[in-house]
Amino acid sequence: MRKKIAELIARDWIGMKVEVVESPNQCEIGLKGEIVDETEKTFRIITEKGLKVVAKKGRSFRIEYEGKKMRISGDLLAFRPEERIMKGLMLIKRAKGVVK
Protein backbone atom coordinates (compact mmCIF):
# COMPACT_ATOMS: atom_id res chain seq x y z
CA MET A 1 0.00 0.00 0.00
CA ARG A 2 2.87 2.39 0.74
CA LYS A 3 4.16 1.89 -2.79
CA LYS A 4 0.73 2.79 -4.24
CA ILE A 5 0.67 6.01 -2.19
CA ALA A 6 4.21 6.83 -3.35
CA GLU A 7 3.07 6.25 -6.94
CA LEU A 8 0.13 8.61 -6.40
CA ILE A 9 2.39 11.29 -4.94
CA ALA A 10 4.77 10.92 -7.90
CA ARG A 11 2.17 11.26 -10.64
CA ASP A 12 0.62 14.24 -12.41
CA TRP A 13 -2.83 14.82 -10.91
CA ILE A 14 -4.20 16.92 -13.76
CA GLY A 15 -6.97 14.92 -15.44
CA MET A 16 -7.67 12.75 -12.39
CA LYS A 17 -11.22 12.42 -11.08
CA VAL A 18 -11.43 13.26 -7.38
CA GLU A 19 -13.94 13.59 -4.58
CA VAL A 20 -13.39 15.60 -1.41
CA VAL A 21 -14.24 13.25 1.48
CA GLU A 22 -12.91 15.25 4.43
CA SER A 23 -12.58 18.99 4.84
CA PRO A 24 -12.85 21.66 7.53
CA ASN A 25 -15.24 23.40 5.08
CA GLN A 26 -18.46 21.34 5.12
CA CYS A 27 -19.44 22.78 1.72
CA GLU A 28 -16.48 21.01 0.08
CA ILE A 29 -17.34 17.51 1.32
CA GLY A 30 -18.78 15.47 -1.54
CA LEU A 31 -17.42 17.83 -4.20
CA LYS A 32 -16.57 15.69 -7.26
CA GLY A 33 -14.92 16.46 -10.53
CA GLU A 34 -11.78 16.43 -12.62
CA ILE A 35 -8.60 18.27 -11.68
CA VAL A 36 -7.78 20.79 -14.39
CA ASP A 37 -4.95 22.69 -12.65
CA GLU A 38 -2.76 22.39 -9.60
CA THR A 39 -0.68 24.79 -7.53
CA GLU A 40 1.40 24.24 -4.42
CA LYS A 41 -1.62 24.66 -2.15
CA THR A 42 -4.70 24.04 -4.30
CA PHE A 43 -6.44 21.93 -6.89
CA ARG A 44 -8.72 23.52 -9.48
CA ILE A 45 -11.55 21.05 -10.02
CA ILE A 46 -14.16 21.26 -12.75
CA THR A 47 -17.50 20.07 -11.36
CA GLU A 48 -21.06 19.95 -12.63
CA LYS A 49 -21.51 23.42 -11.12
CA GLY A 50 -18.36 24.93 -12.59
CA LEU A 51 -14.76 25.50 -11.55
CA LYS A 52 -13.97 25.14 -7.84
CA VAL A 53 -10.67 25.82 -6.08
CA VAL A 54 -9.99 23.47 -3.18
CA ALA A 55 -7.06 23.67 -0.78
CA LYS A 56 -4.99 20.50 -0.43
CA LYS A 57 -3.94 20.91 3.20
CA GLY A 58 -6.42 19.61 5.76
CA ARG A 59 -8.51 17.73 3.19
CA SER A 60 -8.77 14.07 2.17
CA PHE A 61 -9.46 13.05 -1.40
CA ARG A 62 -10.88 9.85 -2.88
CA ILE A 63 -9.64 8.84 -6.30
CA GLU A 64 -9.78 5.78 -8.48
CA TYR A 65 -6.30 4.52 -9.25
CA GLU A 66 -5.56 1.31 -11.14
CA GLY A 67 -9.15 0.15 -10.65
CA LYS A 68 -9.16 0.72 -6.88
CA LYS A 69 -10.74 3.52 -4.91
CA MET A 70 -8.13 5.10 -2.68
CA ARG A 71 -8.19 7.83 -0.10
CA ILE A 72 -5.21 10.14 0.26
CA SER A 73 -4.50 13.03 2.57
CA GLY A 74 -4.08 16.36 0.86
CA ASP A 75 -1.25 17.08 3.31
CA LEU A 76 0.85 14.55 1.37
CA LEU A 77 0.15 16.49 -1.83
CA ALA A 78 0.63 20.04 -0.50
CA PHE A 79 3.81 20.80 -2.41
CA ARG A 80 4.56 22.39 -5.75
CA PRO A 81 3.72 19.71 -8.34
CA GLU A 82 7.34 19.29 -9.46
CA GLU A 83 8.57 18.97 -5.84
CA ARG A 84 5.80 16.50 -4.99
CA ILE A 85 6.66 14.34 -7.99
CA MET A 86 10.34 14.26 -6.98
CA LYS A 87 9.41 13.31 -3.39
CA GLY A 88 7.17 10.53 -4.70
CA LEU A 89 9.91 9.17 -6.93
CA MET A 90 12.30 9.15 -3.96
CA LEU A 91 9.71 7.22 -1.89
CA ILE A 92 9.32 4.66 -4.70
CA LYS A 93 13.09 4.18 -4.88
CA ARG A 94 13.24 3.71 -1.11
CA ALA A 95 10.42 1.16 -1.26
CA LYS A 96 12.40 -0.78 -3.89
CA GLY A 97 15.57 -0.55 -1.79
CA VAL A 98 17.43 1.51 -4.38
CA VAL A 99 18.06 4.49 -2.06
CA LYS A 100 18.48 4.58 1.71
PDB file of N, CA and C in Angstrom:
ATOM      1  N   MET A   1       0.828  -1.207   0.000  1.00  0.00           N
ATOM      2  CA  MET A   1       0.000   0.000   0.000  1.00  0.00           C
ATOM      3  C   MET A   1       0.870   1.267   0.000  1.00  0.00           C
ATOM      4  N   ARG A   2       1.994   1.224   0.714  1.00  0.00           N
ATOM      5  CA  ARG A   2       2.866   2.393   0.742  1.00  0.00           C
ATOM      6  C   ARG A   2       3.388   2.722  -0.654  1.00  0.00           C
ATOM      7  N   LYS A   3       3.664   1.680  -1.433  1.00  0.00           N
ATOM      8  CA  LYS A   3       4.158   1.891  -2.793  1.00  0.00           C
ATOM      9  C   LYS A   3       3.090   2.570  -3.642  1.00  0.00           C
ATOM     10  N   LYS A   4       1.827   2.167  -3.477  1.00  0.00           N
ATOM     11  CA  LYS A   4       0.732   2.787  -4.238  1.00  0.00           C
ATOM     12  C   LYS A   4       0.626   4.275  -3.887  1.00  0.00           C
ATOM     13  N   ILE A   5       0.753   4.599  -2.598  1.00  0.00           N
ATOM     14  CA  ILE A   5       0.675   6.005  -2.187  1.00  0.00           C
ATOM     15  C   ILE A   5       1.853   6.778  -2.762  1.00  0.00           C
ATOM     16  N   ALA A   6       3.041   6.180  -2.750  1.00  0.00           N
ATOM     17  CA  ALA A   6       4.209   6.829  -3.347  1.00  0.00           C
ATOM     18  C   ALA A   6       3.981   7.068  -4.837  1.00  0.00           C
ATOM     19  N   GLU A   7       3.380   6.093  -5.514  1.00  0.00           N
ATOM     20  CA  GLU A   7       3.075   6.253  -6.938  1.00  0.00           C
ATOM     21  C   GLU A   7       2.090   7.402  -7.157  1.00  0.00           C
ATOM     22  N   LEU A   8       1.103   7.515  -6.286  1.00  0.00           N
ATOM     23  CA  LEU A   8       0.132   8.610  -6.400  1.00  0.00           C
ATOM     24  C   LEU A   8       0.799   9.965  -6.197  1.00  0.00           C
ATOM     25  N   ILE A   9       1.688  10.034  -5.211  1.00  0.00           N
ATOM     26  CA  ILE A   9       2.387  11.286  -4.943  1.00  0.00           C
ATOM     27  C   ILE A   9       3.247  11.666  -6.139  1.00  0.00           C
ATOM     28  N   ALA A  10       3.830  10.669  -6.804  1.00  0.00           N
ATOM     29  CA  ALA A  10       4.768  10.922  -7.905  1.00  0.00           C
ATOM     30  C   ALA A  10       4.101  11.190  -9.240  1.00  0.00           C
ATOM     31  N   ARG A  11       2.793  11.099  -9.325  1.00  0.00           N
ATOM     32  CA  ARG A  11       2.169  11.259 -10.642  1.00  0.00           C
ATOM     33  C   ARG A  11       1.570  12.649 -10.816  1.00  0.00           C
ATOM     34  N   ASP A  12       1.296  12.990 -12.053  1.00  0.00           N
ATOM     35  CA  ASP A  12       0.621  14.235 -12.406  1.00  0.00           C
ATOM     36  C   ASP A  12      -0.862  14.060 -12.089  1.00  0.00           C
ATOM     37  N   TRP A  13      -1.432  14.954 -11.325  1.00  0.00           N
ATOM     38  CA  TRP A  13      -2.834  14.820 -10.906  1.00  0.00           C
ATOM     39  C   TRP A  13      -3.806  15.488 -11.879  1.00  0.00           C
ATOM     40  N   ILE A  14      -3.312  16.281 -12.797  1.00  0.00           N
ATOM     41  CA  ILE A  14      -4.205  16.922 -13.757  1.00  0.00           C
ATOM     42  C   ILE A  14      -4.866  15.843 -14.607  1.00  0.00           C
ATOM     43  N   GLY A  15      -6.185  15.912 -14.697  1.00  0.00           N
ATOM     44  CA  GLY A  15      -6.965  14.925 -15.445  1.00  0.00           C
ATOM     45  C   GLY A  15      -7.565  13.847 -14.556  1.00  0.00           C
ATOM     46  N   MET A  16      -7.127  13.768 -13.297  1.00  0.00           N
ATOM     47  CA  MET A  16      -7.669  12.748 -12.393  1.00  0.00           C
ATOM     48  C   MET A  16      -9.041  13.167 -11.866  1.00  0.00           C
ATOM     49  N   LYS A  17      -9.901  12.191 -11.681  1.00  0.00           N
ATOM     50  CA  LYS A  17     -11.217  12.421 -11.080  1.00  0.00           C
ATOM     51  C   LYS A  17     -11.063  12.279  -9.574  1.00  0.00           C
ATOM     52  N   VAL A  18     -11.565  13.270  -8.829  1.00  0.00           N
ATOM     53  CA  VAL A  18     -11.429  13.261  -7.376  1.00  0.00           C
ATOM     54  C   VAL A  18     -12.757  13.581  -6.705  1.00  0.00           C
ATOM     55  N   GLU A  19     -12.819  13.208  -5.441  1.00  0.00           N
ATOM     56  CA  GLU A  19     -13.939  13.593  -4.584  1.00  0.00           C
ATOM     57  C   GLU A  19     -13.337  14.023  -3.255  1.00  0.00           C
ATOM     58  N   VAL A  20     -13.820  15.134  -2.727  1.00  0.00           N
ATOM     59  CA  VAL A  20     -13.389  15.598  -1.412  1.00  0.00           C
ATOM     60  C   VAL A  20     -14.203  14.827  -0.374  1.00  0.00           C
ATOM     61  N   VAL A  21     -13.517  14.070   0.492  1.00  0.00           N
ATOM     62  CA  VAL A  21     -14.235  13.250   1.478  1.00  0.00           C
ATOM     63  C   VAL A  21     -14.085  13.780   2.901  1.00  0.00           C
ATOM     64  N   GLU A  22     -13.100  14.642   3.120  1.00  0.00           N
ATOM     65  CA  GLU A  22     -12.908  15.252   4.429  1.00  0.00           C
ATOM     66  C   GLU A  22     -12.400  16.665   4.230  1.00  0.00           C
ATOM     67  N   SER A  23     -12.988  17.604   4.965  1.00  0.00           N
ATOM     68  CA  SER A  23     -12.579  18.993   4.839  1.00  0.00           C
ATOM     69  C   SER A  23     -13.088  19.782   6.041  1.00  0.00           C
ATOM     70  N   PRO A  24     -12.331  20.793   6.477  1.00  0.00           N
ATOM     71  CA  PRO A  24     -12.849  21.661   7.532  1.00  0.00           C
ATOM     72  C   PRO A  24     -14.021  22.524   7.031  1.00  0.00           C
ATOM     73  N   ASN A  25     -14.136  22.660   5.704  1.00  0.00           N
ATOM     74  CA  ASN A  25     -15.236  23.395   5.083  1.00  0.00           C
ATOM     75  C   ASN A  25     -16.299  22.375   4.655  1.00  0.00           C
ATOM     76  N   GLN A  26     -17.401  22.325   5.379  1.00  0.00           N
ATOM     77  CA  GLN A  26     -18.458  21.342   5.116  1.00  0.00           C
ATOM     78  C   GLN A  26     -19.003  21.429   3.693  1.00  0.00           C
ATOM     79  N   CYS A  27     -18.938  22.603   3.086  1.00  0.00           N
ATOM     80  CA  CYS A  27     -19.440  22.783   1.719  1.00  0.00           C
ATOM     81  C   CYS A  27     -18.594  22.022   0.686  1.00  0.00           C
ATOM     82  N   GLU A  28     -17.349  21.718   1.016  1.00  0.00           N
ATOM     83  CA  GLU A  28     -16.479  21.010   0.076  1.00  0.00           C
ATOM     84  C   GLU A  28     -16.677  19.501   0.108  1.00  0.00           C
ATOM     85  N   ILE A  29     -17.179  18.961   1.194  1.00  0.00           N
ATOM     86  CA  ILE A  29     -17.342  17.513   1.320  1.00  0.00           C
ATOM     87  C   ILE A  29     -18.345  17.026   0.281  1.00  0.00           C
ATOM     88  N   GLY A  30     -17.935  16.016  -0.478  1.00  0.00           N
ATOM     89  CA  GLY A  30     -18.778  15.472  -1.539  1.00  0.00           C
ATOM     90  C   GLY A  30     -18.540  16.110  -2.894  1.00  0.00           C
ATOM     91  N   LEU A  31     -17.733  17.166  -2.938  1.00  0.00           N
ATOM     92  CA  LEU A  31     -17.415  17.831  -4.199  1.00  0.00           C
ATOM     93  C   LEU A  31     -16.665  16.843  -5.092  1.00  0.00           C
ATOM     94  N   LYS A  32     -17.167  16.646  -6.317  1.00  0.00           N
ATOM     95  CA  LYS A  32     -16.567  15.694  -7.262  1.00  0.00           C
ATOM     96  C   LYS A  32     -16.276  16.387  -8.572  1.00  0.00           C
ATOM     97  N   GLY A  33     -15.219  15.922  -9.210  1.00  0.00           N
ATOM     98  CA  GLY A  33     -14.916  16.455 -10.526  1.00  0.00           C
ATOM     99  C   GLY A  33     -13.543  16.044 -10.996  1.00  0.00           C
ATOM    100  N   GLU A  34     -13.076  16.725 -12.013  1.00  0.00           N
ATOM    101  CA  GLU A  34     -11.781  16.435 -12.622  1.00  0.00           C
ATOM    102  C   GLU A  34     -10.825  17.583 -12.343  1.00  0.00           C
ATOM    103  N   ILE A  35      -9.612  17.245 -11.940  1.00  0.00           N
ATOM    104  CA  ILE A  35      -8.599  18.266 -11.678  1.00  0.00           C
ATOM    105  C   ILE A  35      -8.125  18.822 -13.018  1.00  0.00           C
ATOM    106  N   VAL A  36      -8.205  20.155 -13.153  1.00  0.00           N
ATOM    107  CA  VAL A  36      -7.776  20.791 -14.394  1.00  0.00           C
ATOM    108  C   VAL A  36      -6.523  21.635 -14.202  1.00  0.00           C
ATOM    109  N   ASP A  37      -6.169  21.931 -12.935  1.00  0.00           N
ATOM    110  CA  ASP A  37      -4.953  22.694 -12.654  1.00  0.00           C
ATOM    111  C   ASP A  37      -4.552  22.436 -11.214  1.00  0.00           C
ATOM    112  N   GLU A  38      -3.277  22.641 -10.936  1.00  0.00           N
ATOM    113  CA  GLU A  38      -2.758  22.387  -9.597  1.00  0.00           C
ATOM    114  C   GLU A  38      -1.701  23.420  -9.265  1.00  0.00           C
ATOM    115  N   THR A  39      -1.740  23.927  -8.044  1.00  0.00           N
ATOM    116  CA  THR A  39      -0.683  24.792  -7.532  1.00  0.00           C
ATOM    117  C   THR A  39      -0.109  24.117  -6.289  1.00  0.00           C
ATOM    118  N   GLU A  40       0.800  24.794  -5.638  1.00  0.00           N
ATOM    119  CA  GLU A  40       1.401  24.242  -4.420  1.00  0.00           C
ATOM    120  C   GLU A  40       0.348  23.926  -3.363  1.00  0.00           C
ATOM    121  N   LYS A  41      -0.654  24.793  -3.239  1.00  0.00           N
ATOM    122  CA  LYS A  41      -1.617  24.661  -2.148  1.00  0.00           C
ATOM    123  C   LYS A  41      -3.027  24.277  -2.569  1.00  0.00           C
ATOM    124  N   THR A  42      -3.312  24.270  -3.871  1.00  0.00           N
ATOM    125  CA  THR A  42      -4.698  24.042  -4.300  1.00  0.00           C
ATOM    126  C   THR A  42      -4.809  23.133  -5.520  1.00  0.00           C
ATOM    127  N   PHE A  43      -6.017  22.590  -5.661  1.00  0.00           N
ATOM    128  CA  PHE A  43      -6.444  21.929  -6.887  1.00  0.00           C
ATOM    129  C   PHE A  43      -7.554  22.788  -7.471  1.00  0.00           C
ATOM    130  N   ARG A  44      -7.580  22.915  -8.794  1.00  0.00           N
ATOM    131  CA  ARG A  44      -8.724  23.515  -9.477  1.00  0.00           C
ATOM    132  C   ARG A  44      -9.483  22.339 -10.074  1.00  0.00           C
ATOM    133  N   ILE A  45     -10.742  22.207  -9.645  1.00  0.00           N
ATOM    134  CA  ILE A  45     -11.552  21.054 -10.022  1.00  0.00           C
ATOM    135  C   ILE A  45     -12.762  21.531 -10.807  1.00  0.00           C
ATOM    136  N   ILE A  46     -12.968  20.948 -11.981  1.00  0.00           N
ATOM    137  CA  ILE A  46     -14.164  21.260 -12.755  1.00  0.00           C
ATOM    138  C   ILE A  46     -15.253  20.296 -12.303  1.00  0.00           C
ATOM    139  N   THR A  47     -16.376  20.864 -11.859  1.00  0.00           N
ATOM    140  CA  THR A  47     -17.503  20.075 -11.359  1.00  0.00           C
ATOM    141  C   THR A  47     -18.712  20.341 -12.232  1.00  0.00           C
ATOM    142  N   GLU A  48     -19.809  19.702 -11.896  1.00  0.00           N
ATOM    143  CA  GLU A  48     -21.058  19.953 -12.628  1.00  0.00           C
ATOM    144  C   GLU A  48     -21.494  21.409 -12.488  1.00  0.00           C
ATOM    145  N   LYS A  49     -21.097  22.031 -11.387  1.00  0.00           N
ATOM    146  CA  LYS A  49     -21.510  23.418 -11.119  1.00  0.00           C
ATOM    147  C   LYS A  49     -20.444  24.441 -11.488  1.00  0.00           C
ATOM    148  N   GLY A  50     -19.396  24.000 -12.162  1.00  0.00           N
ATOM    149  CA  GLY A  50     -18.359  24.934 -12.589  1.00  0.00           C
ATOM    150  C   GLY A  50     -17.020  24.663 -11.934  1.00  0.00           C
ATOM    151  N   LEU A  51     -16.120  25.632 -12.053  1.00  0.00           N
ATOM    152  CA  LEU A  51     -14.765  25.500 -11.548  1.00  0.00           C
ATOM    153  C   LEU A  51     -14.720  25.827 -10.056  1.00  0.00           C
ATOM    154  N   LYS A  52     -14.112  24.935  -9.281  1.00  0.00           N
ATOM    155  CA  LYS A  52     -13.967  25.135  -7.836  1.00  0.00           C
ATOM    156  C   LYS A  52     -12.487  25.037  -7.493  1.00  0.00           C
ATOM    157  N   VAL A  53     -12.040  25.872  -6.574  1.00  0.00           N
ATOM    158  CA  VAL A  53     -10.670  25.823  -6.084  1.00  0.00           C
ATOM    159  C   VAL A  53     -10.717  25.249  -4.674  1.00  0.00           C
ATOM    160  N   VAL A  54      -9.975  24.164  -4.461  1.00  0.00           N
ATOM    161  CA  VAL A  54      -9.991  23.466  -3.179  1.00  0.00           C
ATOM    162  C   VAL A  54      -8.560  23.389  -2.655  1.00  0.00           C
ATOM    163  N   ALA A  55      -8.380  23.786  -1.411  1.00  0.00           N
ATOM    164  CA  ALA A  55      -7.062  23.673  -0.776  1.00  0.00           C
ATOM    165  C   ALA A  55      -6.716  22.200  -0.598  1.00  0.00           C
ATOM    166  N   LYS A  56      -5.438  21.878  -0.645  1.00  0.00           N
ATOM    167  CA  LYS A  56      -4.986  20.501  -0.426  1.00  0.00           C
ATOM    168  C   LYS A  56      -4.865  20.209   1.069  1.00  0.00           C
ATOM    169  N   LYS A  57      -4.245  21.115   1.788  1.00  0.00           N
ATOM    170  CA  LYS A  57      -3.945  20.905   3.198  1.00  0.00           C
ATOM    171  C   LYS A  57      -5.234  20.792   4.014  1.00  0.00           C
ATOM    172  N   GLY A  58      -5.277  19.795   4.885  1.00  0.00           N
ATOM    173  CA  GLY A  58      -6.424  19.613   5.763  1.00  0.00           C
ATOM    174  C   GLY A  58      -7.599  18.894   5.123  1.00  0.00           C
ATOM    175  N   ARG A  59      -7.442  18.452   3.887  1.00  0.00           N
ATOM    176  CA  ARG A  59      -8.509  17.730   3.187  1.00  0.00           C
ATOM    177  C   ARG A  59      -8.062  16.289   2.915  1.00  0.00           C
ATOM    178  N   SER A  60      -9.037  15.427   2.662  1.00  0.00           N
ATOM    179  CA  SER A  60      -8.774  14.070   2.169  1.00  0.00           C
ATOM    180  C   SER A  60      -9.530  13.913   0.872  1.00  0.00           C
ATOM    181  N   PHE A  61      -8.888  13.236  -0.077  1.00  0.00           N
ATOM    182  CA  PHE A  61      -9.464  13.046  -1.396  1.00  0.00           C
ATOM    183  C   PHE A  61      -9.619  11.567  -1.689  1.00  0.00           C
ATOM    184  N   ARG A  62     -10.686  11.214  -2.402  1.00  0.00           N
ATOM    185  CA  ARG A  62     -10.882   9.845  -2.881  1.00  0.00           C
ATOM    186  C   ARG A  62     -10.683   9.882  -4.389  1.00  0.00           C
ATOM    187  N   ILE A  63      -9.879   8.943  -4.866  1.00  0.00           N
ATOM    188  CA  ILE A  63      -9.644   8.841  -6.304  1.00  0.00           C
ATOM    189  C   ILE A  63      -9.730   7.372  -6.690  1.00  0.00           C
ATOM    190  N   GLU A  64      -9.869   7.146  -7.975  1.00  0.00           N
ATOM    191  CA  GLU A  64      -9.776   5.780  -8.480  1.00  0.00           C
ATOM    192  C   GLU A  64      -8.439   5.669  -9.179  1.00  0.00           C
ATOM    193  N   TYR A  65      -7.642   4.701  -8.717  1.00  0.00           N
ATOM    194  CA  TYR A  65      -6.299   4.525  -9.254  1.00  0.00           C
ATOM    195  C   TYR A  65      -6.069   3.039  -9.498  1.00  0.00           C
ATOM    196  N   GLU A  66      -5.766   2.700 -10.722  1.00  0.00           N
ATOM    197  CA  GLU A  66      -5.557   1.313 -11.135  1.00  0.00           C
ATOM    198  C   GLU A  66      -6.722   0.420 -10.711  1.00  0.00           C
ATOM    199  N   GLY A  67      -7.937   0.921 -10.920  1.00  0.00           N
ATOM    200  CA  GLY A  67      -9.147   0.145 -10.650  1.00  0.00           C
ATOM    201  C   GLY A  67      -9.555   0.075  -9.192  1.00  0.00           C
ATOM    202  N   LYS A  68      -8.824   0.742  -8.307  1.00  0.00           N
ATOM    203  CA  LYS A  68      -9.158   0.718  -6.879  1.00  0.00           C
ATOM    204  C   LYS A  68      -9.456   2.121  -6.400  1.00  0.00           C
ATOM    205  N   LYS A  69     -10.448   2.229  -5.530  1.00  0.00           N
ATOM    206  CA  LYS A  69     -10.739   3.524  -4.914  1.00  0.00           C
ATOM    207  C   LYS A  69      -9.782   3.691  -3.744  1.00  0.00           C
ATOM    208  N   MET A  70      -9.113   4.819  -3.728  1.00  0.00           N
ATOM    209  CA  MET A  70      -8.128   5.097  -2.684  1.00  0.00           C
ATOM    210  C   MET A  70      -8.405   6.455  -2.070  1.00  0.00           C
ATOM    211  N   ARG A  71      -8.045   6.568  -0.815  1.00  0.00           N
ATOM    212  CA  ARG A  71      -8.192   7.828  -0.097  1.00  0.00           C
ATOM    213  C   ARG A  71      -6.787   8.311   0.245  1.00  0.00           C
ATOM    214  N   ILE A  72      -6.537   9.586  -0.004  1.00  0.00           N
ATOM    215  CA  ILE A  72      -5.209  10.138   0.263  1.00  0.00           C
ATOM    216  C   ILE A  72      -5.351  11.510   0.913  1.00  0.00           C
ATOM    217  N   SER A  73      -4.497  11.751   1.869  1.00  0.00           N
ATOM    218  CA  SER A  73      -4.501  13.026   2.572  1.00  0.00           C
ATOM    219  C   SER A  73      -3.911  14.107   1.673  1.00  0.00           C
ATOM    220  N   GLY A  74      -4.584  15.227   1.631  1.00  0.00           N
ATOM    221  CA  GLY A  74      -4.084  16.360   0.857  1.00  0.00           C
ATOM    222  C   GLY A  74      -2.779  16.898   1.416  1.00  0.00           C
ATOM    223  N   ASP A  75      -2.507  16.635   2.706  1.00  0.00           N
ATOM    224  CA  ASP A  75      -1.252  17.084   3.308  1.00  0.00           C
ATOM    225  C   ASP A  75      -0.052  16.438   2.620  1.00  0.00           C
ATOM    226  N   LEU A  76      -0.218  15.226   2.100  1.00  0.00           N
ATOM    227  CA  LEU A  76       0.855  14.546   1.374  1.00  0.00           C
ATOM    228  C   LEU A  76       1.082  15.161  -0.007  1.00  0.00           C
ATOM    229  N   LEU A  77       0.100  15.915  -0.483  1.00  0.00           N
ATOM    230  CA  LEU A  77       0.150  16.486  -1.829  1.00  0.00           C
ATOM    231  C   LEU A  77       0.447  17.984  -1.819  1.00  0.00           C
ATOM    232  N   ALA A  78       0.524  18.584  -0.629  1.00  0.00           N
ATOM    233  CA  ALA A  78       0.625  20.038  -0.503  1.00  0.00           C
ATOM    234  C   ALA A  78       2.043  20.554  -0.755  1.00  0.00           C
ATOM    235  N   PHE A  79       2.511  20.325  -1.954  1.00  0.00           N
ATOM    236  CA  PHE A  79       3.813  20.805  -2.415  1.00  0.00           C
ATOM    237  C   PHE A  79       3.625  21.297  -3.838  1.00  0.00           C
ATOM    238  N   ARG A  80       4.604  22.045  -4.333  1.00  0.00           N
ATOM    239  CA  ARG A  80       4.557  22.393  -5.746  1.00  0.00           C
ATOM    240  C   ARG A  80       4.583  21.083  -6.520  1.00  0.00           C
ATOM    241  N   PRO A  81       3.819  20.984  -7.612  1.00  0.00           N
ATOM    242  CA  PRO A  81       3.724  19.713  -8.341  1.00  0.00           C
ATOM    243  C   PRO A  81       5.075  19.072  -8.650  1.00  0.00           C
ATOM    244  N   GLU A  82       6.041  19.872  -9.101  1.00  0.00           N
ATOM    245  CA  GLU A  82       7.337  19.292  -9.459  1.00  0.00           C
ATOM    246  C   GLU A  82       8.090  18.770  -8.227  1.00  0.00           C
ATOM    247  N   GLU A  83       7.945  19.448  -7.076  1.00  0.00           N
ATOM    248  CA  GLU A  83       8.571  18.969  -5.840  1.00  0.00           C
ATOM    249  C   GLU A  83       7.890  17.695  -5.351  1.00  0.00           C
ATOM    250  N   ARG A  84       6.568  17.668  -5.429  1.00  0.00           N
ATOM    251  CA  ARG A  84       5.802  16.504  -4.986  1.00  0.00           C
ATOM    252  C   ARG A  84       6.167  15.275  -5.816  1.00  0.00           C
ATOM    253  N   ILE A  85       6.307  15.449  -7.114  1.00  0.00           N
ATOM    254  CA  ILE A  85       6.657  14.335  -7.989  1.00  0.00           C
ATOM    255  C   ILE A  85       8.040  13.799  -7.629  1.00  0.00           C
ATOM    256  N   MET A  86       8.996  14.698  -7.364  1.00  0.00           N
ATOM    257  CA  MET A  86      10.344  14.259  -6.984  1.00  0.00           C
ATOM    258  C   MET A  86      10.323  13.512  -5.649  1.00  0.00           C
ATOM    259  N   LYS A  87       9.530  13.999  -4.678  1.00  0.00           N
ATOM    260  CA  LYS A  87       9.407  13.308  -3.386  1.00  0.00           C
ATOM    261  C   LYS A  87       8.811  11.917  -3.582  1.00  0.00           C
ATOM    262  N   GLY A  88       7.801  11.814  -4.420  1.00  0.00           N
ATOM    263  CA  GLY A  88       7.165  10.531  -4.696  1.00  0.00           C
ATOM    264  C   GLY A  88       8.129   9.549  -5.343  1.00  0.00           C
ATOM    265  N   LEU A  89       8.926  10.041  -6.290  1.00  0.00           N
ATOM    266  CA  LEU A  89       9.910   9.172  -6.935  1.00  0.00           C
ATOM    267  C   LEU A  89      10.944   8.676  -5.931  1.00  0.00           C
ATOM    268  N   MET A  90      11.340   9.551  -5.000  1.00  0.00           N
ATOM    269  CA  MET A  90      12.296   9.146  -3.964  1.00  0.00           C
ATOM    270  C   MET A  90      11.668   8.069  -3.068  1.00  0.00           C
ATOM    271  N   LEU A  91      10.385   8.226  -2.716  1.00  0.00           N
ATOM    272  CA  LEU A  91       9.705   7.221  -1.893  1.00  0.00           C
ATOM    273  C   LEU A  91       9.624   5.874  -2.612  1.00  0.00           C
ATOM    274  N   ILE A  92       9.380   5.908  -3.916  1.00  0.00           N
ATOM    275  CA  ILE A  92       9.318   4.661  -4.699  1.00  0.00           C
ATOM    276  C   ILE A  92      10.688   3.979  -4.687  1.00  0.00           C
ATOM    277  N   LYS A  93      11.745   4.760  -4.884  1.00  0.00           N
ATOM    278  CA  LYS A  93      13.093   4.183  -4.878  1.00  0.00           C
ATOM    279  C   LYS A  93      13.418   3.570  -3.517  1.00  0.00           C
ATOM    280  N   ARG A  94      13.014   4.253  -2.449  1.00  0.00           N
ATOM    281  CA  ARG A  94      13.244   3.714  -1.109  1.00  0.00           C
ATOM    282  C   ARG A  94      12.482   2.404  -0.909  1.00  0.00           C
ATOM    283  N   ALA A  95      11.235   2.366  -1.398  1.00  0.00           N
ATOM    284  CA  ALA A  95      10.424   1.158  -1.256  1.00  0.00           C
ATOM    285  C   ALA A  95      11.068  -0.021  -2.004  1.00  0.00           C
ATOM    286  N   LYS A  96      11.732   0.274  -3.107  1.00  0.00           N
ATOM    287  CA  LYS A  96      12.398  -0.778  -3.891  1.00  0.00           C
ATOM    288  C   LYS A  96      13.786  -1.103  -3.348  1.00  0.00           C
ATOM    289  N   GLY A  97      14.248  -0.317  -2.367  1.00  0.00           N
ATOM    290  CA  GLY A  97      15.572  -0.552  -1.791  1.00  0.00           C
ATOM    291  C   GLY A  97      16.719   0.023  -2.599  1.00  0.00           C
ATOM    292  N   VAL A  98      16.400   0.912  -3.538  1.00  0.00           N
ATOM    293  CA  VAL A  98      17.433   1.506  -4.385  1.00  0.00           C
ATOM    294  C   VAL A  98      18.191   2.595  -3.628  1.00  0.00           C
ATOM    295  N   VAL A  99      17.477   3.367  -2.801  1.00  0.00           N
ATOM    296  CA  VAL A  99      18.061   4.486  -2.055  1.00  0.00           C
ATOM    297  C   VAL A  99      17.767   4.286  -0.571  1.00  0.00           C
ATOM    298  N   LYS A 100      18.710   4.688   0.261  1.00  0.00           N
ATOM    299  CA  LYS A 100      18.482   4.581   1.714  1.00  0.00           C
ATOM    300  C   LYS A 100      18.240   5.928   2.306  1.00  0.00           C
TER     301      LYS A 100
END
